[in-house]
Amino acid sequence: MAASPLTGKIFTQRIERNNLTLRTRIKRLARKTICFSRSVEIHEKVIGTFIEKHMFY
């Protein structure tokens, strides 16, 4: 039996809080232009590095 996804107001608030933190701390996510990074690889590395430092330190 597959596990059901978590639902509810508290989980929505947690997800939205994480999204807001990413947008405010990583300015390239808040820009409205398409050219936020020169390559997808660099973009993923920047986000991955931020998440690693933010979540695990």
PDB file of N, CA and C in Angstrom:
ATOM      1  N   MET A   1       0.843  -1.179   0.000  1.00  0.00           N
ATOM      2  CA  MET A   1       0.000   0.000   0.000  1.00  0.00           C
ATOM      3  C   MET A   1       0.891   1.247   0.000  1.00  0.00           C
ATOM      4  N   ALA A   2       0.621   2.155  -0.885  1.00  0.00           N
ATOM      5  CA  ALA A   2       1.414   3.380  -1.007  1.00  0.00           C
ATOM      6  C   ALA A   2       1.051   4.354   0.109  1.00  0.00           C
ATOM      7  N   ALA A   3       2.042   5.058   0.591  1.00  0.00           N
ATOM      8  CA  ALA A   3       1.807   6.052   1.633  1.00  0.00           C
ATOM      9  C   ALA A   3       1.119   7.268   1.026  1.00  0.00           C
ATOM     10  N   SER A   4       0.144   7.780   1.735  1.00  0.00           N
ATOM     11  CA  SER A   4      -0.559   8.960   1.231  1.00  0.00           C
ATOM     12  C   SER A   4       0.284  10.206   1.499  1.00  0.00           C
ATOM     13  N   PRO A   5       0.199  11.198   0.616  1.00  0.00           N
ATOM     14  CA  PRO A   5       0.970  12.427   0.839  1.00  0.00           C
ATOM     15  C   PRO A   5       0.423  13.185   2.049  1.00  0.00           C
ATOM     16  N   LEU A   6       1.296  13.916   2.701  1.00  0.00           N
ATOM     17  CA  LEU A   6       0.882  14.698   3.855  1.00  0.00           C
ATOM     18  C   LEU A   6       0.031  15.872   3.394  1.00  0.00           C
ATOM     19  N   THR A   7      -1.084  16.055   4.033  1.00  0.00           N
ATOM     20  CA  THR A   7      -1.971  17.159   3.688  1.00  0.00           C
ATOM     21  C   THR A   7      -2.347  17.902   4.962  1.00  0.00           C
ATOM     22  N   GLY A   8      -2.795  19.102   4.785  1.00  0.00           N
ATOM     23  CA  GLY A   8      -3.228  19.894   5.917  1.00  0.00           C
ATOM     24  C   GLY A   8      -2.575  21.258   5.906  1.00  0.00           C
ATOM     25  N   LYS A   9      -3.132  22.133   6.711  1.00  0.00           N
ATOM     26  CA  LYS A   9      -2.674  23.515   6.747  1.00  0.00           C
ATOM     27  C   LYS A   9      -1.226  23.632   7.225  1.00  0.00           C
ATOM     28  N   ILE A  10      -0.845  22.854   8.226  1.00  0.00           N
ATOM     29  CA  ILE A  10       0.509  22.970   8.769  1.00  0.00           C
ATOM     30  C   ILE A  10       1.554  22.568   7.738  1.00  0.00           C
ATOM     31  N   PHE A  11       1.249  21.568   6.928  1.00  0.00           N
ATOM     32  CA  PHE A  11       2.206  21.128   5.917  1.00  0.00           C
ATOM     33  C   PHE A  11       2.297  22.137   4.778  1.00  0.00           C
ATOM     34  N   THR A  12       1.168  22.752   4.426  1.00  0.00           N
ATOM     35  CA  THR A  12       1.171  23.791   3.396  1.00  0.00           C
ATOM     36  C   THR A  12       1.984  24.994   3.870  1.00  0.00           C
ATOM     37  N   GLN A  13       1.809  25.373   5.117  1.00  0.00           N
ATOM     38  CA  GLN A  13       2.560  26.501   5.659  1.00  0.00           C
ATOM     39  C   GLN A  13       4.057  26.219   5.666  1.00  0.00           C
ATOM     40  N   ARG A  14       4.436  24.987   5.986  1.00  0.00           N
ATOM     41  CA  ARG A  14       5.855  24.619   6.015  1.00  0.00           C
ATOM     42  C   ARG A  14       6.463  24.699   4.612  1.00  0.00           C
ATOM     43  N   ILE A  15       5.736  24.209   3.626  1.00  0.00           N
ATOM     44  CA  ILE A  15       6.219  24.248   2.242  1.00  0.00           C
ATOM     45  C   ILE A  15       6.345  25.687   1.763  1.00  0.00           C
ATOM     46  N   GLU A  16       5.322  26.500   2.026  1.00  0.00           N
ATOM     47  CA  GLU A  16       5.362  27.900   1.608  1.00  0.00           C
ATOM     48  C   GLU A  16       6.479  28.661   2.326  1.00  0.00           C
ATOM     49  N   ARG A  17       6.742  28.344   3.592  1.00  0.00           N
ATOM     50  CA  ARG A  17       7.831  28.980   4.330  1.00  0.00           C
ATOM     51  C   ARG A  17       9.179  28.640   3.696  1.00  0.00           C
ATOM     52  N   ASN A  18       9.346  27.376   3.315  1.00  0.00           N
ATOM     53  CA  ASN A  18      10.591  26.974   2.654  1.00  0.00           C
ATOM     54  C   ASN A  18      10.754  27.681   1.312  1.00  0.00           C
ATOM     55  N   ASN A  19       9.666  27.787   0.550  1.00  0.00           N
ATOM     56  CA  ASN A  19       9.727  28.484  -0.738  1.00  0.00           C
ATOM     57  C   ASN A  19      10.098  29.952  -0.544  1.00  0.00           C
ATOM     58  N   LEU A  20       9.512  30.597   0.451  1.00  0.00           N
ATOM     59  CA  LEU A  20       9.813  32.002   0.711  1.00  0.00           C
ATOM     60  C   LEU A  20      11.269  32.182   1.144  1.00  0.00           C
ATOM     61  N   THR A  21      11.757  31.282   1.973  1.00  0.00           N
ATOM     62  CA  THR A  21      13.157  31.352   2.398  1.00  0.00           C
ATOM     63  C   THR A  21      14.087  31.238   1.201  1.00  0.00           C
ATOM     64  N   LEU A  22      13.792  30.300   0.309  1.00  0.00           N
ATOM     65  CA  LEU A  22      14.613  30.150  -0.893  1.00  0.00           C
ATOM     66  C   LEU A  22      14.581  31.417  -1.741  1.00  0.00           C
ATOM     67  N   ARG A  23      13.389  31.996  -1.936  1.00  0.00           N
ATOM     68  CA  ARG A  23      13.275  33.184  -2.784  1.00  0.00           C
ATOM     69  C   ARG A  23      13.971  34.394  -2.183  1.00  0.00           C
ATOM     70  N   THR A  24      13.919  34.546  -0.864  1.00  0.00           N
ATOM     71  CA  THR A  24      14.528  35.729  -0.256  1.00  0.00           C
ATOM     72  C   THR A  24      16.036  35.588  -0.096  1.00  0.00           C
ATOM     73  N   ARG A  25      16.526  34.389   0.135  1.00  0.00           N
ATOM     74  CA  ARG A  25      17.960  34.188   0.339  1.00  0.00           C
ATOM     75  C   ARG A  25      18.723  33.986  -0.960  1.00  0.00           C
ATOM     76  N   ILE A  26      18.084  33.389  -1.970  1.00  0.00           N
ATOM     77  CA  ILE A  26      18.742  33.165  -3.257  1.00  0.00           C
ATOM     78  C   ILE A  26      18.089  34.109  -4.260  1.00  0.00           C
ATOM     79  N   LYS A  27      18.737  35.210  -4.524  1.00  0.00           N
ATOM     80  CA  LYS A  27      18.141  36.256  -5.365  1.00  0.00           C
ATOM     81  C   LYS A  27      17.882  35.801  -6.789  1.00  0.00           C
ATOM     82  N   ARG A  28      18.641  34.827  -7.280  1.00  0.00           N
ATOM     83  CA  ARG A  28      18.430  34.377  -8.652  1.00  0.00           C
ATOM     84  C   ARG A  28      17.080  33.681  -8.812  1.00  0.00           C
ATOM     85  N   LEU A  29      16.456  33.240  -7.720  1.00  0.00           N
ATOM     86  CA  LEU A  29      15.115  32.655  -7.806  1.00  0.00           C
ATOM     87  C   LEU A  29      14.034  33.730  -7.830  1.00  0.00           C
ATOM     88  N   ALA A  30      14.334  34.907  -7.305  1.00  0.00           N
ATOM     89  CA  ALA A  30      13.350  35.977  -7.239  1.00  0.00           C
ATOM     90  C   ALA A  30      13.307  36.814  -8.511  1.00  0.00           C
ATOM     91  N   ARG A  31      14.329  36.720  -9.341  1.00  0.00           N
ATOM     92  CA  ARG A  31      14.356  37.507 -10.573  1.00  0.00           C
ATOM     93  C   ARG A  31      13.273  37.041 -11.525  1.00  0.00           C
ATOM     94  N   LYS A  32      12.675  37.985 -12.215  1.00  0.00           N
ATOM     95  CA  LYS A  32      11.583  37.654 -13.124  1.00  0.00           C
ATOM     96  C   LYS A  32      12.054  37.355 -14.534  1.00  0.00           C
ATOM     97  N   THR A  33      13.339  37.479 -14.786  1.00  0.00           N
ATOM     98  CA  THR A  33      13.852  37.182 -16.120  1.00  0.00           C
ATOM     99  C   THR A  33      14.158  35.703 -16.240  1.00  0.00           C
ATOM    100  N   ILE A  34      14.266  35.255 -17.446  1.00  0.00           N
ATOM    101  CA  ILE A  34      14.569  33.851 -17.693  1.00  0.00           C
ATOM    102  C   ILE A  34      16.032  33.555 -17.388  1.00  0.00           C
ATOM    103  N   CYS A  35      16.883  34.546 -17.541  1.00  0.00           N
ATOM    104  CA  CYS A  35      18.332  34.306 -17.428  1.00  0.00           C
ATOM    105  C   CYS A  35      18.802  34.403 -15.978  1.00  0.00           C
ATOM    106  N   PHE A  36      18.278  33.570 -15.111  1.00  0.00           N
ATOM    107  CA  PHE A  36      18.695  33.592 -13.716  1.00  0.00           C
ATOM    108  C   PHE A  36      20.065  32.964 -13.519  1.00  0.00           C
ATOM    109  N   SER A  37      20.470  32.055 -14.381  1.00  0.00           N
ATOM    110  CA  SER A  37      21.805  31.447 -14.336  1.00  0.00           C
ATOM    111  C   SER A  37      22.265  31.198 -15.759  1.00  0.00           C
ATOM    112  N   ARG A  38      23.554  31.104 -15.931  1.00  0.00           N
ATOM    113  CA  ARG A  38      24.071  30.832 -17.276  1.00  0.00           C
ATOM    114  C   ARG A  38      23.796  29.403 -17.700  1.00  0.00           C
ATOM    115  N   SER A  39      23.718  28.493 -16.773  1.00  0.00           N
ATOM    116  CA  SER A  39      23.411  27.108 -17.119  1.00  0.00           C
ATOM    117  C   SER A  39      22.573  26.481 -16.008  1.00  0.00           C
ATOM    118  N   VAL A  40      21.864  25.443 -16.360  1.00  0.00           N
ATOM    119  CA  VAL A  40      21.032  24.732 -15.388  1.00  0.00           C
ATOM    120  C   VAL A  40      21.921  24.073 -14.331  1.00  0.00           C
ATOM    121  N   GLU A  41      23.082  23.611 -14.742  1.00  0.00           N
ATOM    122  CA  GLU A  41      24.006  22.957 -13.809  1.00  0.00           C
ATOM    123  C   GLU A  41      24.429  23.909 -12.687  1.00  0.00           C
ATOM    124  N   ILE A  42      24.791  25.132 -13.046  1.00  0.00           N
ATOM    125  CA  ILE A  42      25.187  26.131 -12.044  1.00  0.00           C
ATOM    126  C   ILE A  42      24.001  26.466 -11.143  1.00  0.00           C
ATOM    127  N   HIS A  43      22.833  26.619 -11.736  1.00  0.00           N
ATOM    128  CA  HIS A  43      21.619  26.926 -10.988  1.00  0.00           C
ATOM    129  C   HIS A  43      21.351  25.845  -9.939  1.00  0.00           C
ATOM    130  N   GLU A  44      21.430  24.589 -10.345  1.00  0.00           N
ATOM    131  CA  GLU A  44      21.188  23.481  -9.425  1.00  0.00           C
ATOM    132  C   GLU A  44      22.251  23.413  -8.331  1.00  0.00           C
ATOM    133  N   LYS A  45      23.497  23.716  -8.663  1.00  0.00           N
ATOM    134  CA  LYS A  45      24.566  23.695  -7.663  1.00  0.00           C
ATOM    135  C   LYS A  45      24.367  24.781  -6.615  1.00  0.00           C
ATOM    136  N   VAL A  46      23.957  25.972  -7.051  1.00  0.00           N
ATOM    137  CA  VAL A  46      23.738  27.071  -6.111  1.00  0.00           C
ATOM    138  C   VAL A  46      22.601  26.726  -5.155  1.00  0.00           C
ATOM    139  N   ILE A  47      21.506  26.230  -5.688  1.00  0.00           N
ATOM    140  CA  ILE A  47      20.364  25.867  -4.845  1.00  0.00           C
ATOM    141  C   ILE A  47      20.730  24.702  -3.927  1.00  0.00           C
ATOM    142  N   GLY A  48      21.416  23.698  -4.458  1.00  0.00           N
ATOM    143  CA  GLY A  48      21.832  22.555  -3.649  1.00  0.00           C
ATOM    144  C   GLY A  48      22.754  22.948  -2.512  1.00  0.00           C
ATOM    145  N   THR A  49      23.691  23.839  -2.795  1.00  0.00           N
ATOM    146  CA  THR A  49      24.612  24.314  -1.763  1.00  0.00           C
ATOM    147  C   THR A  49      23.863  25.064  -0.675  1.00  0.00           C
ATOM    148  N   PHE A  50      22.909  25.912  -1.066  1.00  0.00           N
ATOM    149  CA  PHE A  50      22.131  26.652  -0.075  1.00  0.00           C
ATOM    150  C   PHE A  50      21.325  25.700   0.799  1.00  0.00           C
ATOM    151  N   ILE A  51      20.648  24.740   0.173  1.00  0.00           N
ATOM    152  CA  ILE A  51      19.824  23.799   0.937  1.00  0.00           C
ATOM    153  C   ILE A  51      20.699  22.982   1.883  1.00  0.00           C
ATOM    154  N   GLU A  52      21.854  22.562   1.419  1.00  0.00           N
ATOM    155  CA  GLU A  52      22.768  21.789   2.265  1.00  0.00           C
ATOM    156  C   GLU A  52      23.194  22.595   3.489  1.00  0.00           C
ATOM    157  N   LYS A  53      23.572  23.847   3.289  1.00  0.00           N
ATOM    158  CA  LYS A  53      24.002  24.685   4.410  1.00  0.00           C
ATOM    159  C   LYS A  53      22.834  25.055   5.316  1.00  0.00           C
ATOM    160  N   HIS A  54      21.688  25.374   4.730  1.00  0.00           N
ATOM    161  CA  HIS A  54      20.529  25.825   5.499  1.00  0.00           C
ATOM    162  C   HIS A  54      19.907  24.687   6.306  1.00  0.00           C
ATOM    163  N   MET A  55      19.830  23.502   5.730  1.00  0.00           N
ATOM    164  CA  MET A  55      19.142  22.389   6.383  1.00  0.00           C
ATOM    165  C   MET A  55      20.047  21.587   7.326  1.00  0.00           C
ATOM    166  N   PHE A  56      21.335  21.507   7.031  1.00  0.00           N
ATOM    167  CA  PHE A  56      22.178  20.567   7.760  1.00  0.00           C
ATOM    168  C   PHE A  56      23.230  21.206   8.655  1.00  0.00           C
ATOM    169  N   TYR A  57      23.239  22.530   8.780  1.00  0.00           N
ATOM    170  CA  TYR A  57      24.181  23.172   9.689  1.00  0.00           C
ATOM    171  C   TYR A  57      23.464  23.840  10.804  1.00  0.00           C
TER     172      TYR A  57
END
